[in-house]
Amino acid sequence: MKRGLTLVLALAGVCAAAPAWAIRVTGTVSDRHGAPIEFASVAVRALRLGTATDEAGRFVLDLPLGPAVLDVRQIGYEPARVAIEVAVGLAPLRITLAEQPVELS
């Protein structure tokens, strides 16, 4: 009996780790030529959540339903703020960063 209760509590903890309200938001970050930007930061500051793009510029975030603002940054590019409405069936996002002019002194 004690062993069965331990198993049930352990499984309940695993289920609690993945909230039911989370919607998987996916997308890509690229430059103006369509080239992927790897290791860009994609964050939702209000939720203190974030991730980085992979080598192909792809990212995945699990976000709650409703409005969110993505802050996207990478060295050498202008930062971008993208407002989205997180909902079931949200299409993959395509975010384009503009190159940041560099001044040499």
PDB file of N, CA and C in Angstrom:
ATOM      1  N   MET A   1       0.825  -1.191   0.000  1.00  0.00           N
ATOM      2  CA  MET A   1       0.000   0.000   0.000  1.00  0.00           C
ATOM      3  C   MET A   1       0.873   1.260   0.000  1.00  0.00           C
ATOM      4  N   LYS A   2       1.894   1.268   0.843  1.00  0.00           N
ATOM      5  CA  LYS A   2       2.775   2.430   0.927  1.00  0.00           C
ATOM      6  C   LYS A   2       3.493   2.654  -0.397  1.00  0.00           C
ATOM      7  N   ARG A   3       3.919   1.572  -1.033  1.00  0.00           N
ATOM      8  CA  ARG A   3       4.623   1.680  -2.307  1.00  0.00           C
ATOM      9  C   ARG A   3       3.706   2.240  -3.395  1.00  0.00           C
ATOM     10  N   GLY A   4       2.437   1.812  -3.412  1.00  0.00           N
ATOM     11  CA  GLY A   4       1.467   2.305  -4.391  1.00  0.00           C
ATOM     12  C   GLY A   4       1.200   3.789  -4.201  1.00  0.00           C
ATOM     13  N   LEU A   5       1.103   4.243  -2.957  1.00  0.00           N
ATOM     14  CA  LEU A   5       0.877   5.655  -2.662  1.00  0.00           C
ATOM     15  C   LEU A   5       2.075   6.487  -3.108  1.00  0.00           C
ATOM     16  N   THR A   6       3.283   5.984  -2.906  1.00  0.00           N
ATOM     17  CA  THR A   6       4.489   6.686  -3.341  1.00  0.00           C
ATOM     18  C   THR A   6       4.493   6.847  -4.859  1.00  0.00           C
ATOM     19  N   LEU A   7       4.106   5.806  -5.587  1.00  0.00           N
ATOM     20  CA  LEU A   7       4.058   5.858  -7.042  1.00  0.00           C
ATOM     21  C   LEU A   7       3.027   6.885  -7.518  1.00  0.00           C
ATOM     22  N   VAL A   8       1.860   6.905  -6.894  1.00  0.00           N
ATOM     23  CA  VAL A   8       0.816   7.858  -7.266  1.00  0.00           C
ATOM     24  C   VAL A   8       1.298   9.282  -7.021  1.00  0.00           C
ATOM     25  N   LEU A   9       1.927   9.538  -5.890  1.00  0.00           N
ATOM     26  CA  LEU A   9       2.427  10.882  -5.591  1.00  0.00           C
ATOM     27  C   LEU A   9       3.534  11.281  -6.563  1.00  0.00           C
ATOM     28  N   ALA A  10       4.393  10.351  -6.934  1.00  0.00           N
ATOM     29  CA  ALA A  10       5.468  10.645  -7.879  1.00  0.00           C
ATOM     30  C   ALA A  10       4.889  11.001  -9.246  1.00  0.00           C
ATOM     31  N   LEU A  11       3.879  10.248  -9.704  1.00  0.00           N
ATOM     32  CA  LEU A  11       3.250  10.546 -10.982  1.00  0.00           C
ATOM     33  C   LEU A  11       2.511  11.875 -10.946  1.00  0.00           C
ATOM     34  N   ALA A  12       1.903  12.209  -9.840  1.00  0.00           N
ATOM     35  CA  ALA A  12       1.219  13.500  -9.701  1.00  0.00           C
ATOM     36  C   ALA A  12       2.216  14.642  -9.819  1.00  0.00           C
ATOM     37  N   GLY A  13       3.402  14.462  -9.281  1.00  0.00           N
ATOM     38  CA  GLY A  13       4.442  15.485  -9.389  1.00  0.00           C
ATOM     39  C   GLY A  13       4.897  15.667 -10.815  1.00  0.00           C
ATOM     40  N   VAL A  14       4.994  14.582 -11.581  1.00  0.00           N
ATOM     41  CA  VAL A  14       5.388  14.674 -12.985  1.00  0.00           C
ATOM     42  C   VAL A  14       4.322  15.414 -13.771  1.00  0.00           C
ATOM     43  N   CYS A  15       3.064  15.120 -13.526  1.00  0.00           N
ATOM     44  CA  CYS A  15       1.974  15.801 -14.228  1.00  0.00           C
ATOM     45  C   CYS A  15       1.944  17.284 -13.888  1.00  0.00           C
ATOM     46  N   ALA A  16       2.259  17.643 -12.661  1.00  0.00           N
ATOM     47  CA  ALA A  16       2.249  19.042 -12.250  1.00  0.00           C
ATOM     48  C   ALA A  16       3.372  19.830 -12.913  1.00  0.00           C
ATOM     49  N   ALA A  17       4.419  19.157 -13.362  1.00  0.00           N
ATOM     50  CA  ALA A  17       5.553  19.849 -13.980  1.00  0.00           C
ATOM     51  C   ALA A  17       5.211  20.408 -15.354  1.00  0.00           C
ATOM     52  N   ALA A  18       4.194  19.878 -16.019  1.00  0.00           N
ATOM     53  CA  ALA A  18       3.786  20.357 -17.340  1.00  0.00           C
ATOM     54  C   ALA A  18       2.379  20.923 -17.237  1.00  0.00           C
ATOM     55  N   PRO A  19       2.255  22.247 -16.989  1.00  0.00           N
ATOM     56  CA  PRO A  19       0.939  22.839 -16.782  1.00  0.00           C
ATOM     57  C   PRO A  19       0.027  22.655 -17.991  1.00  0.00           C
ATOM     58  N   ALA A  20      -1.243  22.436 -17.732  1.00  0.00           N
ATOM     59  CA  ALA A  20      -2.216  22.222 -18.798  1.00  0.00           C
ATOM     60  C   ALA A  20      -2.461  23.488 -19.605  1.00  0.00           C
ATOM     61  N   TRP A  21      -2.148  24.638 -19.058  1.00  0.00           N
ATOM     62  CA  TRP A  21      -2.418  25.904 -19.739  1.00  0.00           C
ATOM     63  C   TRP A  21      -1.363  26.258 -20.781  1.00  0.00           C
ATOM     64  N   ALA A  22      -0.308  25.505 -20.877  1.00  0.00           N
ATOM     65  CA  ALA A  22       0.797  25.863 -21.768  1.00  0.00           C
ATOM     66  C   ALA A  22       0.473  25.533 -23.217  1.00  0.00           C
ATOM     67  N   ILE A  23       0.744  26.493 -24.092  1.00  0.00           N
ATOM     68  CA  ILE A  23       0.620  26.311 -25.534  1.00  0.00           C
ATOM     69  C   ILE A  23       2.028  26.386 -26.112  1.00  0.00           C
ATOM     70  N   ARG A  24       2.368  25.443 -26.957  1.00  0.00           N
ATOM     71  CA  ARG A  24       3.701  25.426 -27.560  1.00  0.00           C
ATOM     72  C   ARG A  24       3.758  26.464 -28.682  1.00  0.00           C
ATOM     73  N   VAL A  25       4.649  27.443 -28.516  1.00  0.00           N
ATOM     74  CA  VAL A  25       4.858  28.486 -29.519  1.00  0.00           C
ATOM     75  C   VAL A  25       6.191  28.196 -30.187  1.00  0.00           C
ATOM     76  N   THR A  26       6.166  28.073 -31.507  1.00  0.00           N
ATOM     77  CA  THR A  26       7.386  27.784 -32.261  1.00  0.00           C
ATOM     78  C   THR A  26       7.622  28.893 -33.284  1.00  0.00           C
ATOM     79  N   GLY A  27       8.840  28.950 -33.778  1.00  0.00           N
ATOM     80  CA  GLY A  27       9.132  29.935 -34.803  1.00  0.00           C
ATOM     81  C   GLY A  27      10.575  29.905 -35.216  1.00  0.00           C
ATOM     82  N   THR A  28      10.914  30.833 -36.114  1.00  0.00           N
ATOM     83  CA  THR A  28      12.285  30.979 -36.580  1.00  0.00           C
ATOM     84  C   THR A  28      12.678  32.448 -36.534  1.00  0.00           C
ATOM     85  N   VAL A  29      13.965  32.668 -36.350  1.00  0.00           N
ATOM     86  CA  VAL A  29      14.526  34.018 -36.378  1.00  0.00           C
ATOM     87  C   VAL A  29      15.538  34.040 -37.511  1.00  0.00           C
ATOM     88  N   SER A  30      15.391  35.030 -38.403  1.00  0.00           N
ATOM     89  CA  SER A  30      16.294  35.118 -39.546  1.00  0.00           C
ATOM     90  C   SER A  30      16.664  36.570 -39.818  1.00  0.00           C
ATOM     91  N   ASP A  31      17.645  36.767 -40.709  1.00  0.00           N
ATOM     92  CA  ASP A  31      18.017  38.125 -41.124  1.00  0.00           C
ATOM     93  C   ASP A  31      17.172  38.517 -42.336  1.00  0.00           C
ATOM     94  N   ARG A  32      17.406  39.708 -42.870  1.00  0.00           N
ATOM     95  CA  ARG A  32      16.573  40.200 -43.968  1.00  0.00           C
ATOM     96  C   ARG A  32      16.738  39.397 -45.253  1.00  0.00           C
ATOM     97  N   HIS A  33      17.782  38.594 -45.342  1.00  0.00           N
ATOM     98  CA  HIS A  33      18.000  37.749 -46.510  1.00  0.00           C
ATOM     99  C   HIS A  33      17.397  36.354 -46.326  1.00  0.00           C
ATOM    100  N   GLY A  34      16.836  36.101 -45.160  1.00  0.00           N
ATOM    101  CA  GLY A  34      16.246  34.798 -44.870  1.00  0.00           C
ATOM    102  C   GLY A  34      17.197  33.801 -44.245  1.00  0.00           C
ATOM    103  N   ALA A  35      18.439  34.222 -43.977  1.00  0.00           N
ATOM    104  CA  ALA A  35      19.414  33.323 -43.349  1.00  0.00           C
ATOM    105  C   ALA A  35      19.080  33.176 -41.865  1.00  0.00           C
ATOM    106  N   PRO A  36      19.100  31.961 -41.337  1.00  0.00           N
ATOM    107  CA  PRO A  36      18.785  31.772 -39.922  1.00  0.00           C
ATOM    108  C   PRO A  36      19.797  32.460 -39.020  1.00  0.00           C
ATOM    109  N   ILE A  37      19.307  32.963 -37.898  1.00  0.00           N
ATOM    110  CA  ILE A  37      20.178  33.568 -36.889  1.00  0.00           C
ATOM    111  C   ILE A  37      20.241  32.593 -35.722  1.00  0.00           C
ATOM    112  N   GLU A  38      21.405  31.989 -35.548  1.00  0.00           N
ATOM    113  CA  GLU A  38      21.552  30.996 -34.489  1.00  0.00           C
ATOM    114  C   GLU A  38      21.875  31.651 -33.156  1.00  0.00           C
ATOM    115  N   PHE A  39      21.425  31.013 -32.102  1.00  0.00           N
ATOM    116  CA  PHE A  39      21.686  31.389 -30.712  1.00  0.00           C
ATOM    117  C   PHE A  39      21.155  32.775 -30.333  1.00  0.00           C
ATOM    118  N   ALA A  40      20.106  33.228 -31.038  1.00  0.00           N
ATOM    119  CA  ALA A  40      19.438  34.476 -30.651  1.00  0.00           C
ATOM    120  C   ALA A  40      18.622  34.214 -29.390  1.00  0.00           C
ATOM    121  N   SER A  41      18.504  35.217 -28.549  1.00  0.00           N
ATOM    122  CA  SER A  41      17.702  35.126 -27.332  1.00  0.00           C
ATOM    123  C   SER A  41      16.252  35.464 -27.657  1.00  0.00           C
ATOM    124  N   VAL A  42      15.321  34.592 -27.234  1.00  0.00           N
ATOM    125  CA  VAL A  42      13.892  34.829 -27.403  1.00  0.00           C
ATOM    126  C   VAL A  42      13.291  34.719 -26.006  1.00  0.00           C
ATOM    127  N   ALA A  43      12.773  35.844 -25.477  1.00  0.00           N
ATOM    128  CA  ALA A  43      12.314  35.860 -24.089  1.00  0.00           C
ATOM    129  C   ALA A  43      10.978  36.566 -23.945  1.00  0.00           C
ATOM    130  N   VAL A  44      10.241  36.163 -22.916  1.00  0.00           N
ATOM    131  CA  VAL A  44       9.024  36.851 -22.493  1.00  0.00           C
ATOM    132  C   VAL A  44       9.323  37.348 -21.089  1.00  0.00           C
ATOM    133  N   ARG A  45       9.727  38.610 -20.987  1.00  0.00           N
ATOM    134  CA  ARG A  45      10.173  39.155 -19.704  1.00  0.00           C
ATOM    135  C   ARG A  45       9.099  39.086 -18.626  1.00  0.00           C
ATOM    136  N   ALA A  46       7.854  39.365 -19.002  1.00  0.00           N
ATOM    137  CA  ALA A  46       6.769  39.386 -18.021  1.00  0.00           C
ATOM    138  C   ALA A  46       6.606  38.032 -17.330  1.00  0.00           C
ATOM    139  N   LEU A  47       6.965  36.968 -18.007  1.00  0.00           N
ATOM    140  CA  LEU A  47       6.834  35.618 -17.444  1.00  0.00           C
ATOM    141  C   LEU A  47       8.161  35.044 -16.973  1.00  0.00           C
ATOM    142  N   ARG A  48       9.241  35.788 -17.208  1.00  0.00           N
ATOM    143  CA  ARG A  48      10.583  35.314 -16.884  1.00  0.00           C
ATOM    144  C   ARG A  48      10.880  33.975 -17.547  1.00  0.00           C
ATOM    145  N   LEU A  49      10.482  33.881 -18.816  1.00  0.00           N
ATOM    146  CA  LEU A  49      10.730  32.683 -19.615  1.00  0.00           C
ATOM    147  C   LEU A  49      11.573  33.065 -20.822  1.00  0.00           C
ATOM    148  N   GLY A  50      12.406  32.155 -21.257  1.00  0.00           N
ATOM    149  CA  GLY A  50      13.195  32.444 -22.443  1.00  0.00           C
ATOM    150  C   GLY A  50      13.892  31.208 -22.960  1.00  0.00           C
ATOM    151  N   THR A  51      14.424  31.356 -24.151  1.00  0.00           N
ATOM    152  CA  THR A  51      15.162  30.275 -24.785  1.00  0.00           C
ATOM    153  C   THR A  51      16.117  30.897 -25.802  1.00  0.00           C
ATOM    154  N   ALA A  52      16.846  30.057 -26.494  1.00  0.00           N
ATOM    155  CA  ALA A  52      17.741  30.510 -27.562  1.00  0.00           C
ATOM    156  C   ALA A  52      17.415  29.722 -28.820  1.00  0.00           C
ATOM    157  N   THR A  53      17.644  30.348 -29.965  1.00  0.00           N
ATOM    158  CA  THR A  53      17.417  29.644 -31.219  1.00  0.00           C
ATOM    159  C   THR A  53      18.520  28.609 -31.434  1.00  0.00           C
ATOM    160  N   ASP A  54      18.186  27.583 -32.207  1.00  0.00           N
ATOM    161  CA  ASP A  54      19.190  26.567 -32.532  1.00  0.00           C
ATOM    162  C   ASP A  54      19.959  26.981 -33.783  1.00  0.00           C
ATOM    163  N   GLU A  55      20.739  26.072 -34.332  1.00  0.00           N
ATOM    164  CA  GLU A  55      21.576  26.379 -35.491  1.00  0.00           C
ATOM    165  C   GLU A  55      20.759  26.777 -36.721  1.00  0.00           C
ATOM    166  N   ALA A  56      19.497  26.359 -36.770  1.00  0.00           N
ATOM    167  CA  ALA A  56      18.626  26.677 -37.903  1.00  0.00           C
ATOM    168  C   ALA A  56      17.730  27.885 -37.608  1.00  0.00           C
ATOM    169  N   GLY A  57      17.992  28.570 -36.486  1.00  0.00           N
ATOM    170  CA  GLY A  57      17.203  29.738 -36.121  1.00  0.00           C
ATOM    171  C   GLY A  57      15.858  29.417 -35.501  1.00  0.00           C
ATOM    172  N   ARG A  58      15.603  28.158 -35.165  1.00  0.00           N
ATOM    173  CA  ARG A  58      14.309  27.737 -34.604  1.00  0.00           C
ATOM    174  C   ARG A  58      14.284  27.890 -33.087  1.00  0.00           C
ATOM    175  N   PHE A  59      13.088  28.184 -32.556  1.00  0.00           N
ATOM    176  CA  PHE A  59      12.899  28.247 -31.107  1.00  0.00           C
ATOM    177  C   PHE A  59      11.557  27.632 -30.728  1.00  0.00           C
ATOM    178  N   VAL A  60      11.447  27.247 -29.457  1.00  0.00           N
ATOM    179  CA  VAL A  60      10.218  26.692 -28.895  1.00  0.00           C
ATOM    180  C   VAL A  60      10.049  27.272 -27.500  1.00  0.00           C
ATOM    181  N   LEU A  61       8.845  27.780 -27.218  1.00  0.00           N
ATOM    182  CA  LEU A  61       8.492  28.261 -25.879  1.00  0.00           C
ATOM    183  C   LEU A  61       7.117  27.730 -25.519  1.00  0.00           C
ATOM    184  N   ASP A  62       6.912  27.327 -24.286  1.00  0.00           N
ATOM    185  CA  ASP A  62       5.589  26.937 -23.803  1.00  0.00           C
ATOM    186  C   ASP A  62       5.043  28.114 -23.008  1.00  0.00           C
ATOM    187  N   LEU A  63       3.960  28.736 -23.531  1.00  0.00           N
ATOM    188  CA  LEU A  63       3.421  29.956 -22.949  1.00  0.00           C
ATOM    189  C   LEU A  63       1.954  29.796 -22.595  1.00  0.00           C
ATOM    190  N   PRO A  64       1.474  30.586 -21.631  1.00  0.00           N
ATOM    191  CA  PRO A  64       0.051  30.548 -21.290  1.00  0.00           C
ATOM    192  C   PRO A  64      -0.780  31.246 -22.369  1.00  0.00           C
ATOM    193  N   LEU A  65      -2.045  30.899 -22.437  1.00  0.00           N
ATOM    194  CA  LEU A  65      -2.967  31.550 -23.362  1.00  0.00           C
ATOM    195  C   LEU A  65      -3.024  33.042 -23.089  1.00  0.00           C
ATOM    196  N   GLY A  66      -3.200  33.835 -24.148  1.00  0.00           N
ATOM    197  CA  GLY A  66      -3.348  35.271 -23.996  1.00  0.00           C
ATOM    198  C   GLY A  66      -2.229  36.053 -24.645  1.00  0.00           C
ATOM    199  N   PRO A  67      -2.207  37.356 -24.382  1.00  0.00           N
ATOM    200  CA  PRO A  67      -1.188  38.202 -25.015  1.00  0.00           C
ATOM    201  C   PRO A  67       0.200  37.968 -24.415  1.00  0.00           C
ATOM    202  N   ALA A  68       1.204  38.134 -25.272  1.00  0.00           N
ATOM    203  CA  ALA A  68       2.601  38.020 -24.837  1.00  0.00           C
ATOM    204  C   ALA A  68       3.447  38.902 -25.741  1.00  0.00           C
ATOM    205  N   VAL A  69       4.565  39.362 -25.210  1.00  0.00           N
ATOM    206  CA  VAL A  69       5.514  40.145 -26.000  1.00  0.00           C
ATOM    207  C   VAL A  69       6.851  39.416 -25.965  1.00  0.00           C
ATOM    208  N   LEU A  70       7.322  39.033 -27.150  1.00  0.00           N
ATOM    209  CA  LEU A  70       8.613  38.358 -27.270  1.00  0.00           C
ATOM    210  C   LEU A  70       9.696  39.403 -27.487  1.00  0.00           C
ATOM    211  N   ASP A  71      10.757  39.328 -26.697  1.00  0.00           N
ATOM    212  CA  ASP A  71      11.944  40.160 -26.888  1.00  0.00           C
ATOM    213  C   ASP A  71      12.993  39.284 -27.557  1.00  0.00           C
ATOM    214  N   VAL A  72      13.411  39.688 -28.754  1.00  0.00           N
ATOM    215  CA  VAL A  72      14.350  38.887 -29.536  1.00  0.00           C
ATOM    216  C   VAL A  72      15.627  39.696 -29.718  1.00  0.00           C
ATOM    217  N   ARG A  73      16.776  39.097 -29.365  1.00  0.00           N
ATOM    218  CA  ARG A  73      18.059  39.805 -29.411  1.00  0.00           C
ATOM    219  C   ARG A  73      19.172  38.889 -29.892  1.00  0.00           C
ATOM    220  N   GLN A  74      20.116  39.503 -30.598  1.00  0.00           N
ATOM    221  CA  GLN A  74      21.353  38.828 -30.972  1.00  0.00           C
ATOM    222  C   GLN A  74      22.380  39.911 -31.275  1.00  0.00           C
ATOM    223  N   ILE A  75      23.597  39.670 -30.882  1.00  0.00           N
ATOM    224  CA  ILE A  75      24.671  40.639 -31.130  1.00  0.00           C
ATOM    225  C   ILE A  75      24.788  40.881 -32.630  1.00  0.00           C
ATOM    226  N   GLY A  76      24.897  42.134 -33.015  1.00  0.00           N
ATOM    227  CA  GLY A  76      25.018  42.498 -34.415  1.00  0.00           C
ATOM    228  C   GLY A  76      23.699  42.808 -35.094  1.00  0.00           C
ATOM    229  N   TYR A  77      22.586  42.669 -34.343  1.00  0.00           N
ATOM    230  CA  TYR A  77      21.256  42.922 -34.896  1.00  0.00           C
ATOM    231  C   TYR A  77      20.476  43.853 -33.967  1.00  0.00           C
ATOM    232  N   GLU A  78      19.561  44.620 -34.563  1.00  0.00           N
ATOM    233  CA  GLU A  78      18.672  45.464 -33.769  1.00  0.00           C
ATOM    234  C   GLU A  78      17.728  44.555 -32.987  1.00  0.00           C
ATOM    235  N   PRO A  79      17.506  44.831 -31.692  1.00  0.00           N
ATOM    236  CA  PRO A  79      16.550  44.024 -30.942  1.00  0.00           C
ATOM    237  C   PRO A  79      15.133  44.217 -31.500  1.00  0.00           C
ATOM    238  N   ALA A  80      14.296  43.201 -31.350  1.00  0.00           N
ATOM    239  CA  ALA A  80      12.913  43.280 -31.820  1.00  0.00           C
ATOM    240  C   ALA A  80      11.971  42.897 -30.695  1.00  0.00           C
ATOM    241  N   ARG A  81      10.822  43.556 -30.667  1.00  0.00           N
ATOM    242  CA  ARG A  81       9.738  43.206 -29.743  1.00  0.00           C
ATOM    243  C   ARG A  81       8.559  42.798 -30.601  1.00  0.00           C
ATOM    244  N   VAL A  82       8.058  41.600 -30.362  1.00  0.00           N
ATOM    245  CA  VAL A  82       6.976  41.058 -31.178  1.00  0.00           C
ATOM    246  C   VAL A  82       5.796  40.734 -30.264  1.00  0.00           C
ATOM    247  N   ALA A  83       4.672  41.434 -30.486  1.00  0.00           N
ATOM    248  CA  ALA A  83       3.458  41.175 -29.709  1.00  0.00           C
ATOM    249  C   ALA A  83       2.673  40.061 -30.393  1.00  0.00           C
ATOM    250  N   ILE A  84       2.270  39.063 -29.611  1.00  0.00           N
ATOM    251  CA  ILE A  84       1.497  37.945 -30.155  1.00  0.00           C
ATOM    252  C   ILE A  84       0.312  37.651 -29.237  1.00  0.00           C
ATOM    253  N   GLU A  85      -0.641  36.923 -29.759  1.00  0.00           N
ATOM    254  CA  GLU A  85      -1.758  36.400 -28.985  1.00  0.00           C
ATOM    255  C   GLU A  85      -1.604  34.890 -28.980  1.00  0.00           C
ATOM    256  N   VAL A  86      -1.269  34.334 -27.830  1.00  0.00           N
ATOM    257  CA  VAL A  86      -1.047  32.895 -27.722  1.00  0.00           C
ATOM    258  C   VAL A  86      -2.407  32.202 -27.690  1.00  0.00           C
ATOM    259  N   ALA A  87      -2.615  31.309 -28.650  1.00  0.00           N
ATOM    260  CA  ALA A  87      -3.881  30.592 -28.754  1.00  0.00           C
ATOM    261  C   ALA A  87      -3.630  29.225 -29.373  1.00  0.00           C
ATOM    262  N   VAL A  88      -4.587  28.332 -29.188  1.00  0.00           N
ATOM    263  CA  VAL A  88      -4.502  27.017 -29.802  1.00  0.00           C
ATOM    264  C   VAL A  88      -4.482  27.212 -31.317  1.00  0.00           C
ATOM    265  N   GLY A  89      -3.584  26.539 -32.000  1.00  0.00           N
ATOM    266  CA  GLY A  89      -3.503  26.634 -33.447  1.00  0.00           C
ATOM    267  C   GLY A  89      -2.662  27.799 -33.952  1.00  0.00           C
ATOM    268  N   LEU A  90      -1.917  28.448 -33.066  1.00  0.00           N
ATOM    269  CA  LEU A  90      -1.049  29.554 -33.479  1.00  0.00           C
ATOM    270  C   LEU A  90      -0.021  29.043 -34.490  1.00  0.00           C
ATOM    271  N   ALA A  91       0.060  29.702 -35.636  1.00  0.00           N
ATOM    272  CA  ALA A  91       1.021  29.303 -36.676  1.00  0.00           C
ATOM    273  C   ALA A  91       2.443  29.608 -36.208  1.00  0.00           C
ATOM    274  N   PRO A  92       3.431  28.866 -36.728  1.00  0.00           N
ATOM    275  CA  PRO A  92       4.825  29.174 -36.380  1.00  0.00           C
ATOM    276  C   PRO A  92       5.158  30.628 -36.728  1.00  0.00           C
ATOM    277  N   LEU A  93       5.903  31.274 -35.849  1.00  0.00           N
ATOM    278  CA  LEU A  93       6.266  32.678 -36.033  1.00  0.00           C
ATOM    279  C   LEU A  93       7.497  32.794 -36.914  1.00  0.00           C
ATOM    280  N   ARG A  94       7.543  33.853 -37.699  1.00  0.00           N
ATOM    281  CA  ARG A  94       8.724  34.175 -38.505  1.00  0.00           C
ATOM    282  C   ARG A  94       9.164  35.573 -38.095  1.00  0.00           C
ATOM    283  N   ILE A  95      10.293  35.648 -37.446  1.00  0.00           N
ATOM    284  CA  ILE A  95      10.795  36.922 -36.935  1.00  0.00           C
ATOM    285  C   ILE A  95      12.058  37.288 -37.702  1.00  0.00           C
ATOM    286  N   THR A  96      12.094  38.514 -38.207  1.00  0.00           N
ATOM    287  CA  THR A  96      13.244  38.993 -38.964  1.00  0.00           C
ATOM    288  C   THR A  96      13.933  40.094 -38.181  1.00  0.00           C
ATOM    289  N   LEU A  97      15.237  39.958 -37.978  1.00  0.00           N
ATOM    290  CA  LEU A  97      16.020  40.986 -37.310  1.00  0.00           C
ATOM    291  C   LEU A  97      16.812  41.784 -38.336  1.00  0.00           C
ATOM    292  N   ALA A  98      16.865  43.103 -38.118  1.00  0.00           N
ATOM    293  CA  ALA A  98      17.643  43.975 -38.990  1.00  0.00           C
ATOM    294  C   ALA A  98      19.068  44.054 -38.468  1.00  0.00           C
ATOM    295  N   GLU A  99      20.014  44.081 -39.388  1.00  0.00           N
ATOM    296  CA  GLU A  99      21.414  44.204 -38.986  1.00  0.00           C
ATOM    297  C   GLU A  99      21.633  45.555 -38.326  1.00  0.00           C
ATOM    298  N   GLN A 100      22.452  45.555 -37.296  1.00  0.00           N
ATOM    299  CA  GLN A 100      22.764  46.782 -36.577  1.00  0.00           C
ATOM    300  C   GLN A 100      24.023  47.398 -37.182  1.00  0.00           C
ATOM    301  N   PRO A 101      23.932  48.682 -37.582  1.00  0.00           N
ATOM    302  CA  PRO A 101      25.120  49.303 -38.151  1.00  0.00           C
ATOM    303  C   PRO A 101      26.250  49.354 -37.119  1.00  0.00           C
ATOM    304  N   VAL A 102      27.447  49.105 -37.575  1.00  0.00           N
ATOM    305  CA  VAL A 102      28.612  49.118 -36.699  1.00  0.00           C
ATOM    306  C   VAL A 102      29.506  50.291 -37.096  1.00  0.00           C
ATOM    307  N   GLU A 103      29.842  51.106 -36.116  1.00  0.00           N
ATOM    308  CA  GLU A 103      30.733  52.238 -36.360  1.00  0.00           C
ATOM    309  C   GLU A 103      32.109  51.905 -35.827  1.00  0.00           C
ATOM    310  N   LEU A 104      33.080  52.005 -36.676  1.00  0.00           N
ATOM    311  CA  LEU A 104      34.456  51.767 -36.250  1.00  0.00           C
ATOM    312  C   LEU A 104      35.134  53.112 -36.019  1.00  0.00           C
ATOM    313  N   SER A 105      35.834  53.226 -34.915  1.00  0.00           N
ATOM    314  CA  SER A 105      36.511  54.500 -34.635  1.00  0.00           C
ATOM    315  C   SER A 105      37.995  54.383 -34.808  1.00  0.00           C
TER     316      SER A 105
END
